[in-house]
Amino acid sequence: MGACANCGGGFASQALVRRLGLKWGRRSIGLAGLGSAALLTIAAVLTQQWLLALIFLSLVYGGVTFQQPILFAVCLDIGGEYAGAVVGAANTAAQIASFVSSLAFGYLVDYYGNYNVPFIPMVVLLLAGALLWLKVDPTEKLIPGSLAAARAVLKSHAG
């Protein structure tokens, strides 16, 4: 599921960027991926059928991984010459959040005695992530101008 969704998100973004432009081509994938993951998480919590829950949770993973290639593409779009640092910061934040959420999941299950409870904050975070994609503008550089231009300005002021 993850591999198919990951590749699908990359190809879909490529097509949408051609059709809608860079800003909405990237944003729409993030909105669709995390938005669908949030809705499918709700469906997984509400279902009483184990097989449906498994299918919904697999699709949740698909929604999250659908937007992952776009996350990295946006890091490259906005990072410019600092793209490696931006990707590193994004990946570090994701890994820390993954570690914390895995601990929180276990503690919430232990405290409430219910495996559905940890999915409530997960839905909130997925919806927040989907909405935050509306603020992402891959056409805007994180650091305007190029490194070469900054060096030229520094050189002209130094001499």
N, C-alpha and C. Protein backbone atom coordinates (compact mmCIF):
# COMPACT_ATOMS: atom_id res chain seq x y z
N MET A 1 0.82 -1.18 0.00
CA MET A 1 0.00 0.00 0.00
C MET A 1 0.87 1.25 0.00
N GLY A 2 1.85 1.27 0.89
CA GLY A 2 2.70 2.45 1.00
C GLY A 2 3.48 2.74 -0.27
N ALA A 3 4.06 1.71 -0.87
CA ALA A 3 4.85 1.92 -2.09
C ALA A 3 3.98 2.41 -3.24
N CYS A 4 2.81 1.82 -3.39
CA CYS A 4 1.90 2.24 -4.47
C CYS A 4 1.42 3.68 -4.25
N ALA A 5 1.06 4.00 -3.02
CA ALA A 5 0.58 5.35 -2.72
C ALA A 5 1.70 6.37 -2.88
N ASN A 6 2.90 6.00 -2.47
CA ASN A 6 4.04 6.90 -2.58
C ASN A 6 4.33 7.24 -4.04
N CYS A 7 4.40 6.22 -4.87
CA CYS A 7 4.62 6.45 -6.31
C CYS A 7 3.43 7.20 -6.92
N GLY A 8 2.24 6.81 -6.52
CA GLY A 8 1.04 7.48 -7.03
C GLY A 8 1.01 8.96 -6.70
N GLY A 9 1.43 9.31 -5.48
CA GLY A 9 1.48 10.72 -5.09
C GLY A 9 2.48 11.50 -5.93
N GLY A 10 3.61 10.89 -6.22
CA GLY A 10 4.61 11.55 -7.06
C GLY A 10 4.11 11.79 -8.47
N PHE A 11 3.52 10.75 -9.07
CA PHE A 11 3.00 10.89 -10.43
C PHE A 11 1.82 11.86 -10.48
N ALA A 12 0.94 11.77 -9.47
CA ALA A 12 -0.22 12.67 -9.43
C ALA A 12 0.23 14.12 -9.28
N SER A 13 1.23 14.35 -8.46
CA SER A 13 1.73 15.71 -8.29
C SER A 13 2.32 16.25 -9.59
N GLN A 14 3.06 15.41 -10.27
CA GLN A 14 3.65 15.83 -11.54
C GLN A 14 2.56 16.27 -12.52
N ALA A 15 1.49 15.49 -12.59
CA ALA A 15 0.39 15.84 -13.49
C ALA A 15 -0.34 17.09 -13.02
N LEU A 16 -0.56 17.20 -11.71
CA LEU A 16 -1.28 18.36 -11.19
C LEU A 16 -0.45 19.64 -11.27
N VAL A 17 0.85 19.54 -11.11
CA VAL A 17 1.70 20.73 -11.26
C VAL A 17 1.60 21.24 -12.68
N ARG A 18 1.60 20.35 -13.66
CA ARG A 18 1.43 20.77 -15.06
C ARG A 18 0.08 21.42 -15.29
N ARG A 19 -0.94 20.89 -14.64
CA ARG A 19 -2.30 21.37 -14.87
C ARG A 19 -2.66 22.59 -14.03
N LEU A 20 -2.27 22.60 -12.74
CA LEU A 20 -2.70 23.65 -11.80
C LEU A 20 -1.59 24.63 -11.42
N GLY A 21 -0.36 24.31 -11.77
CA GLY A 21 0.76 25.13 -11.33
C GLY A 21 1.40 24.52 -10.10
N LEU A 22 2.57 25.04 -9.77
CA LEU A 22 3.36 24.47 -8.68
C LEU A 22 2.65 24.55 -7.33
N LYS A 23 2.08 25.71 -7.01
CA LYS A 23 1.48 25.88 -5.69
C LYS A 23 0.34 24.90 -5.45
N TRP A 24 -0.65 24.87 -6.32
CA TRP A 24 -1.81 24.00 -6.09
C TRP A 24 -1.57 22.56 -6.51
N GLY A 25 -0.61 22.35 -7.40
CA GLY A 25 -0.23 20.98 -7.74
C GLY A 25 0.34 20.24 -6.55
N ARG A 26 1.13 20.95 -5.73
CA ARG A 26 1.69 20.35 -4.53
C ARG A 26 0.67 20.33 -3.39
N ARG A 27 0.00 21.47 -3.17
CA ARG A 27 -0.96 21.57 -2.07
C ARG A 27 -2.06 20.51 -2.16
N SER A 28 -2.58 20.31 -3.35
CA SER A 28 -3.73 19.40 -3.50
C SER A 28 -3.38 17.97 -3.10
N ILE A 29 -2.14 17.56 -3.34
CA ILE A 29 -1.72 16.21 -2.94
C ILE A 29 -1.67 16.11 -1.43
N GLY A 30 -1.12 17.11 -0.77
CA GLY A 30 -1.07 17.12 0.69
C GLY A 30 -2.45 17.13 1.31
N LEU A 31 -3.33 17.96 0.77
CA LEU A 31 -4.71 18.01 1.25
C LEU A 31 -5.42 16.68 1.06
N ALA A 32 -5.29 16.12 -0.12
CA ALA A 32 -5.97 14.85 -0.43
C ALA A 32 -5.42 13.71 0.42
N GLY A 33 -4.10 13.63 0.52
CA GLY A 33 -3.48 12.53 1.26
C GLY A 33 -3.82 12.55 2.75
N LEU A 34 -3.55 13.68 3.41
CA LEU A 34 -3.80 13.74 4.85
C LEU A 34 -5.29 13.87 5.17
N GLY A 35 -6.04 14.55 4.30
CA GLY A 35 -7.49 14.66 4.51
C GLY A 35 -8.17 13.30 4.42
N SER A 36 -7.81 12.51 3.41
CA SER A 36 -8.40 11.18 3.29
C SER A 36 -7.95 10.28 4.42
N ALA A 37 -6.69 10.43 4.85
CA ALA A 37 -6.19 9.62 5.98
C ALA A 37 -7.00 9.92 7.24
N ALA A 38 -7.33 11.18 7.47
CA ALA A 38 -8.13 11.55 8.64
C ALA A 38 -9.52 10.92 8.57
N LEU A 39 -10.16 11.03 7.42
CA LEU A 39 -11.51 10.46 7.27
C LEU A 39 -11.50 8.94 7.39
N LEU A 40 -10.50 8.31 6.83
CA LEU A 40 -10.40 6.85 6.91
C LEU A 40 -10.06 6.38 8.32
N THR A 41 -9.36 7.20 9.09
CA THR A 41 -9.10 6.86 10.50
C THR A 41 -10.40 6.87 11.28
N ILE A 42 -11.23 7.86 11.01
CA ILE A 42 -12.56 7.91 11.66
C ILE A 42 -13.36 6.66 11.29
N ALA A 43 -13.32 6.28 10.02
CA ALA A 43 -14.04 5.08 9.58
C ALA A 43 -13.51 3.84 10.29
N ALA A 44 -12.19 3.74 10.46
CA ALA A 44 -11.60 2.59 11.14
C ALA A 44 -12.06 2.51 12.59
N VAL A 45 -12.16 3.66 13.25
CA VAL A 45 -12.60 3.69 14.65
C VAL A 45 -14.06 3.29 14.77
N LEU A 46 -14.87 3.71 13.82
CA LEU A 46 -16.31 3.48 13.91
C LEU A 46 -16.75 2.08 13.48
N THR A 47 -15.94 1.40 12.71
CA THR A 47 -16.36 0.08 12.23
C THR A 47 -16.24 -0.98 13.33
N GLN A 48 -17.10 -1.96 13.26
CA GLN A 48 -17.07 -3.09 14.18
C GLN A 48 -16.48 -4.34 13.53
N GLN A 49 -16.20 -4.26 12.24
CA GLN A 49 -15.68 -5.40 11.48
C GLN A 49 -14.16 -5.35 11.44
N TRP A 50 -13.50 -6.39 11.87
CA TRP A 50 -12.05 -6.39 11.92
C TRP A 50 -11.43 -6.25 10.54
N LEU A 51 -12.03 -6.88 9.53
CA LEU A 51 -11.48 -6.82 8.18
C LEU A 51 -11.62 -5.40 7.61
N LEU A 52 -12.75 -4.77 7.85
CA LEU A 52 -12.93 -3.39 7.40
C LEU A 52 -11.95 -2.46 8.11
N ALA A 53 -11.74 -2.69 9.41
CA ALA A 53 -10.78 -1.87 10.15
C ALA A 53 -9.39 -2.01 9.55
N LEU A 54 -9.01 -3.23 9.20
CA LEU A 54 -7.71 -3.48 8.58
C LEU A 54 -7.60 -2.76 7.23
N ILE A 55 -8.65 -2.84 6.44
CA ILE A 55 -8.66 -2.16 5.13
C ILE A 55 -8.57 -0.65 5.32
N PHE A 56 -9.37 -0.10 6.24
CA PHE A 56 -9.35 1.34 6.48
C PHE A 56 -7.97 1.79 6.97
N LEU A 57 -7.38 1.04 7.89
CA LEU A 57 -6.06 1.43 8.40
C LEU A 57 -4.98 1.32 7.32
N SER A 58 -5.11 0.35 6.43
CA SER A 58 -4.18 0.25 5.30
C SER A 58 -4.33 1.46 4.38
N LEU A 59 -5.57 1.88 4.18
CA LEU A 59 -5.82 3.06 3.35
C LEU A 59 -5.36 4.34 4.04
N VAL A 60 -5.42 4.39 5.37
CA VAL A 60 -4.87 5.53 6.12
C VAL A 60 -3.38 5.64 5.81
N TYR A 61 -2.69 4.53 5.90
CA TYR A 61 -1.26 4.51 5.59
C TYR A 61 -1.02 4.96 4.15
N GLY A 62 -1.89 4.52 3.26
CA GLY A 62 -1.79 4.95 1.87
C GLY A 62 -1.96 6.46 1.72
N GLY A 63 -2.91 7.04 2.45
CA GLY A 63 -3.11 8.49 2.40
C GLY A 63 -1.91 9.26 2.90
N VAL A 64 -1.32 8.78 3.99
CA VAL A 64 -0.14 9.45 4.54
C VAL A 64 1.03 9.34 3.57
N THR A 65 1.26 8.15 3.02
CA THR A 65 2.39 7.98 2.12
C THR A 65 2.14 8.61 0.75
N PHE A 66 0.89 8.86 0.40
CA PHE A 66 0.56 9.54 -0.86
C PHE A 66 1.15 10.94 -0.87
N GLN A 67 1.16 11.61 0.28
CA GLN A 67 1.66 12.98 0.33
C GLN A 67 3.15 13.07 0.65
N GLN A 68 3.79 11.98 1.00
CA GLN A 68 5.21 12.03 1.37
C GLN A 68 6.14 12.50 0.27
N PRO A 69 6.00 12.04 -0.97
CA PRO A 69 6.94 12.55 -1.98
C PRO A 69 6.79 14.05 -2.20
N ILE A 70 5.59 14.56 -1.95
CA ILE A 70 5.35 15.98 -2.13
C ILE A 70 6.00 16.76 -1.00
N LEU A 71 6.01 16.19 0.19
CA LEU A 71 6.70 16.82 1.31
C LEU A 71 8.17 17.06 0.95
N PHE A 72 8.81 16.05 0.40
CA PHE A 72 10.20 16.19 0.02
C PHE A 72 10.37 17.10 -1.19
N ALA A 73 9.44 17.04 -2.13
CA ALA A 73 9.51 17.94 -3.29
C ALA A 73 9.39 19.39 -2.86
N VAL A 74 8.51 19.67 -1.90
CA VAL A 74 8.35 21.05 -1.41
C VAL A 74 9.62 21.49 -0.68
N CYS A 75 10.24 20.58 0.05
CA CYS A 75 11.52 20.92 0.69
C CYS A 75 12.54 21.35 -0.36
N LEU A 76 12.57 20.65 -1.49
CA LEU A 76 13.48 21.02 -2.57
C LEU A 76 13.05 22.34 -3.21
N ASP A 77 11.73 22.52 -3.39
CA ASP A 77 11.21 23.75 -3.99
C ASP A 77 11.59 24.97 -3.17
N ILE A 78 11.36 24.92 -1.87
CA ILE A 78 11.58 26.10 -1.04
C ILE A 78 13.02 26.21 -0.53
N GLY A 79 13.72 25.09 -0.49
CA GLY A 79 15.06 25.09 0.08
C GLY A 79 16.12 25.66 -0.82
N GLY A 80 15.92 25.52 -2.13
CA GLY A 80 16.94 26.01 -3.06
C GLY A 80 18.29 25.41 -2.73
N GLU A 81 19.26 26.28 -2.51
CA GLU A 81 20.62 25.82 -2.21
C GLU A 81 20.73 25.15 -0.84
N TYR A 82 19.70 25.33 -0.02
CA TYR A 82 19.69 24.76 1.32
C TYR A 82 18.72 23.58 1.42
N ALA A 83 18.40 22.99 0.28
CA ALA A 83 17.40 21.91 0.23
C ALA A 83 17.77 20.74 1.14
N GLY A 84 19.03 20.40 1.21
CA GLY A 84 19.46 19.29 2.08
C GLY A 84 19.15 19.57 3.54
N ALA A 85 19.39 20.79 3.97
CA ALA A 85 19.10 21.16 5.36
C ALA A 85 17.60 21.15 5.62
N VAL A 86 16.81 21.61 4.65
CA VAL A 86 15.35 21.63 4.82
C VAL A 86 14.80 20.21 4.87
N VAL A 87 15.26 19.35 3.98
CA VAL A 87 14.84 17.94 4.00
C VAL A 87 15.26 17.29 5.32
N GLY A 88 16.47 17.57 5.76
CA GLY A 88 16.94 17.01 7.03
C GLY A 88 16.10 17.45 8.21
N ALA A 89 15.74 18.73 8.24
CA ALA A 89 14.90 19.24 9.32
C ALA A 89 13.51 18.61 9.29
N ALA A 90 12.93 18.51 8.09
CA ALA A 90 11.60 17.90 7.96
C ALA A 90 11.62 16.43 8.37
N ASN A 91 12.64 15.71 7.94
CA ASN A 91 12.74 14.29 8.26
C ASN A 91 12.98 14.09 9.76
N THR A 92 13.80 14.93 10.36
CA THR A 92 14.05 14.83 11.79
C THR A 92 12.76 15.08 12.58
N ALA A 93 12.02 16.11 12.21
CA ALA A 93 10.76 16.41 12.88
C ALA A 93 9.79 15.24 12.74
N ALA A 94 9.72 14.64 11.56
CA ALA A 94 8.82 13.51 11.34
C ALA A 94 9.22 12.31 12.18
N GLN A 95 10.52 12.05 12.30
CA GLN A 95 10.98 10.90 13.09
C GLN A 95 10.73 11.11 14.58
N ILE A 96 10.92 12.34 15.06
CA ILE A 96 10.64 12.64 16.47
C ILE A 96 9.15 12.46 16.75
N ALA A 97 8.32 12.98 15.85
CA ALA A 97 6.87 12.85 16.01
C ALA A 97 6.44 11.38 15.97
N SER A 98 7.06 10.61 15.11
CA SER A 98 6.76 9.19 15.01
C SER A 98 7.10 8.46 16.30
N PHE A 99 8.25 8.77 16.87
CA PHE A 99 8.67 8.16 18.13
C PHE A 99 7.70 8.54 19.26
N VAL A 100 7.39 9.82 19.38
CA VAL A 100 6.50 10.30 20.44
C VAL A 100 5.10 9.69 20.28
N SER A 101 4.61 9.63 19.05
CA SER A 101 3.25 9.09 18.85
C SER A 101 3.17 7.60 19.16
N SER A 102 4.26 6.86 18.89
CA SER A 102 4.22 5.43 19.22
C SER A 102 4.18 5.22 20.73
N LEU A 103 4.90 6.05 21.47
CA LEU A 103 4.83 5.97 22.93
C LEU A 103 3.45 6.40 23.44
N ALA A 104 2.95 7.51 22.88
CA ALA A 104 1.65 8.02 23.32
C ALA A 104 0.55 7.00 23.04
N PHE A 105 0.62 6.31 21.91
CA PHE A 105 -0.38 5.31 21.56
C PHE A 105 -0.46 4.26 22.66
N GLY A 106 0.69 3.72 23.04
CA GLY A 106 0.72 2.68 24.09
C GLY A 106 0.21 3.18 25.43
N TYR A 107 0.62 4.38 25.82
CA TYR A 107 0.17 4.94 27.09
C TYR A 107 -1.34 5.20 27.09
N LEU A 108 -1.86 5.70 25.96
CA LEU A 108 -3.31 5.95 25.89
C LEU A 108 -4.11 4.65 25.96
N VAL A 109 -3.64 3.61 25.29
CA VAL A 109 -4.32 2.31 25.36
C VAL A 109 -4.27 1.78 26.78
N ASP A 110 -3.11 1.88 27.42
CA ASP A 110 -2.95 1.40 28.78
C ASP A 110 -3.86 2.17 29.75
N TYR A 111 -3.91 3.48 29.61
CA TYR A 111 -4.68 4.32 30.53
C TYR A 111 -6.20 4.14 30.34
N TYR A 112 -6.65 4.13 29.09
CA TYR A 112 -8.08 4.05 28.82
C TYR A 112 -8.58 2.63 28.58
N GLY A 113 -7.67 1.69 28.35
CA GLY A 113 -8.08 0.31 28.09
C GLY A 113 -8.85 0.15 26.79
N ASN A 114 -8.59 1.02 25.83
CA ASN A 114 -9.34 1.02 24.58
C ASN A 114 -8.38 1.38 23.43
N TYR A 115 -8.38 0.56 22.41
CA TYR A 115 -7.48 0.81 21.28
C TYR A 115 -8.00 1.90 20.35
N ASN A 116 -9.24 2.32 20.47
CA ASN A 116 -9.76 3.39 19.62
C ASN A 116 -9.35 4.78 20.10
N VAL A 117 -9.12 4.95 21.39
CA VAL A 117 -8.82 6.27 21.96
C VAL A 117 -7.60 6.94 21.31
N PRO A 118 -6.49 6.23 21.09
CA PRO A 118 -5.33 6.91 20.50
C PRO A 118 -5.58 7.45 19.09
N PHE A 119 -6.61 6.96 18.45
CA PHE A 119 -6.88 7.43 17.09
C PHE A 119 -7.52 8.82 17.09
N ILE A 120 -8.08 9.25 18.21
CA ILE A 120 -8.72 10.57 18.27
C ILE A 120 -7.69 11.68 18.07
N PRO A 121 -6.58 11.72 18.85
CA PRO A 121 -5.59 12.76 18.56
C PRO A 121 -4.94 12.59 17.18
N MET A 122 -4.89 11.36 16.71
CA MET A 122 -4.34 11.11 15.38
C MET A 122 -5.19 11.78 14.31
N VAL A 123 -6.51 11.69 14.44
CA VAL A 123 -7.42 12.34 13.49
C VAL A 123 -7.21 13.85 13.53
N VAL A 124 -7.11 14.40 14.74
CA VAL A 124 -6.90 15.85 14.89
C VAL A 124 -5.60 16.27 14.20
N LEU A 125 -4.54 15.53 14.41
CA LEU A 125 -3.26 15.88 13.79
C LEU A 125 -3.28 15.72 12.27
N LEU A 126 -3.95 14.69 11.79
CA LEU A 126 -4.07 14.52 10.34
C LEU A 126 -4.86 15.65 9.70
N LEU A 127 -5.96 16.05 10.35
CA LEU A 127 -6.74 17.18 9.84
C LEU A 127 -5.93 18.48 9.89
N ALA A 128 -5.21 18.68 10.99
CA ALA A 128 -4.36 19.88 11.10
C ALA A 128 -3.31 19.88 10.00
N GLY A 129 -2.70 18.73 9.77
CA GLY A 129 -1.70 18.63 8.71
C GLY A 129 -2.29 18.93 7.34
N ALA A 130 -3.49 18.40 7.08
CA ALA A 130 -4.15 18.67 5.80
C ALA A 130 -4.41 20.17 5.64
N LEU A 131 -4.91 20.81 6.69
CA LEU A 131 -5.19 22.24 6.62
C LEU A 131 -3.91 23.07 6.50
N LEU A 132 -2.84 22.62 7.12
CA LEU A 132 -1.58 23.35 7.02
C LEU A 132 -1.01 23.35 5.60
N TRP A 133 -1.41 22.35 4.81
CA TRP A 133 -0.98 22.35 3.41
C TRP A 133 -1.50 23.59 2.68
N LEU A 134 -2.58 24.18 3.18
CA LEU A 134 -3.10 25.41 2.56
C LEU A 134 -2.16 26.59 2.76
N LYS A 135 -1.28 26.50 3.74
CA LYS A 135 -0.32 27.57 4.01
C LYS A 135 1.01 27.37 3.26
N VAL A 136 1.20 26.20 2.71
CA VAL A 136 2.46 25.89 2.03
C VAL A 136 2.46 26.55 0.65
N ASP A 137 3.53 27.28 0.37
CA ASP A 137 3.69 27.90 -0.94
C ASP A 137 5.06 27.51 -1.50
N PRO A 138 5.09 26.48 -2.34
CA PRO A 138 6.38 26.02 -2.87
C PRO A 138 7.02 26.99 -3.86
N THR A 139 6.28 28.05 -4.25
CA THR A 139 6.88 29.04 -5.14
C THR A 139 7.70 30.07 -4.38
N GLU A 140 7.58 30.08 -3.06
CA GLU A 140 8.31 31.02 -2.22
C GLU A 140 9.53 30.33 -1.63
N LYS A 141 10.69 30.89 -1.88
CA LYS A 141 11.92 30.31 -1.32
C LYS A 141 12.01 30.60 0.18
N LEU A 142 12.54 29.66 0.91
CA LEU A 142 12.74 29.83 2.34
C LEU A 142 13.71 30.98 2.60
N ILE A 143 14.79 31.01 1.82
CA ILE A 143 15.76 32.09 1.88
C ILE A 143 15.80 32.72 0.49
N PRO A 144 15.18 33.91 0.35
CA PRO A 144 15.12 34.53 -0.98
C PRO A 144 16.51 34.80 -1.55
N GLY A 145 16.59 34.73 -2.85
CA GLY A 145 17.87 34.97 -3.52
C GLY A 145 18.77 33.76 -3.44
N SER A 146 19.83 33.82 -4.16
CA SER A 146 20.74 32.68 -4.16
C SER A 146 21.94 32.95 -3.27
N LEU A 147 22.67 31.92 -2.98
CA LEU A 147 23.89 32.03 -2.18
C LEU A 147 24.91 32.89 -2.91
N ALA A 148 24.98 32.74 -4.22
CA ALA A 148 25.93 33.54 -5.00
C ALA A 148 25.59 35.03 -4.90
N ALA A 149 24.31 35.36 -4.95
CA ALA A 149 23.90 36.76 -4.83
C ALA A 149 24.24 37.31 -3.45
N ALA A 150 24.04 36.52 -2.41
CA ALA A 150 24.38 36.94 -1.06
C ALA A 150 25.88 37.17 -0.92
N ARG A 151 26.67 36.30 -1.51
CA ARG A 151 28.13 36.47 -1.45
C ARG A 151 28.57 37.74 -2.18
N ALA A 152 27.93 38.01 -3.32
CA ALA A 152 28.27 39.21 -4.09
C ALA A 152 27.97 40.47 -3.29
N VAL A 153 26.83 40.46 -2.60
CA VAL A 153 26.46 41.62 -1.78
C VAL A 153 27.46 41.78 -0.63
N LEU A 154 27.81 40.69 0.03
CA LEU A 154 28.78 40.76 1.11
C LEU A 154 30.14 41.26 0.63
N LYS A 155 30.56 40.80 -0.55
CA LYS A 155 31.83 41.20 -1.11
C LYS A 155 31.84 42.69 -1.41
N SER A 156 30.74 43.18 -1.99
CA SER A 156 30.67 44.59 -2.36
C SER A 156 30.68 45.49 -1.13
N HIS A 157 30.13 45.03 -0.02
CA HIS A 157 30.12 45.82 1.20
C HIS A 157 31.44 45.71 1.97
N ALA A 158 32.15 44.61 1.76
CA ALA A 158 33.40 44.39 2.50
C ALA A 158 34.55 45.20 1.88
N GLY A 159 34.52 45.45 0.59
CA GLY A 159 35.65 46.07 -0.07
C GLY A 159 35.40 47.47 -0.36
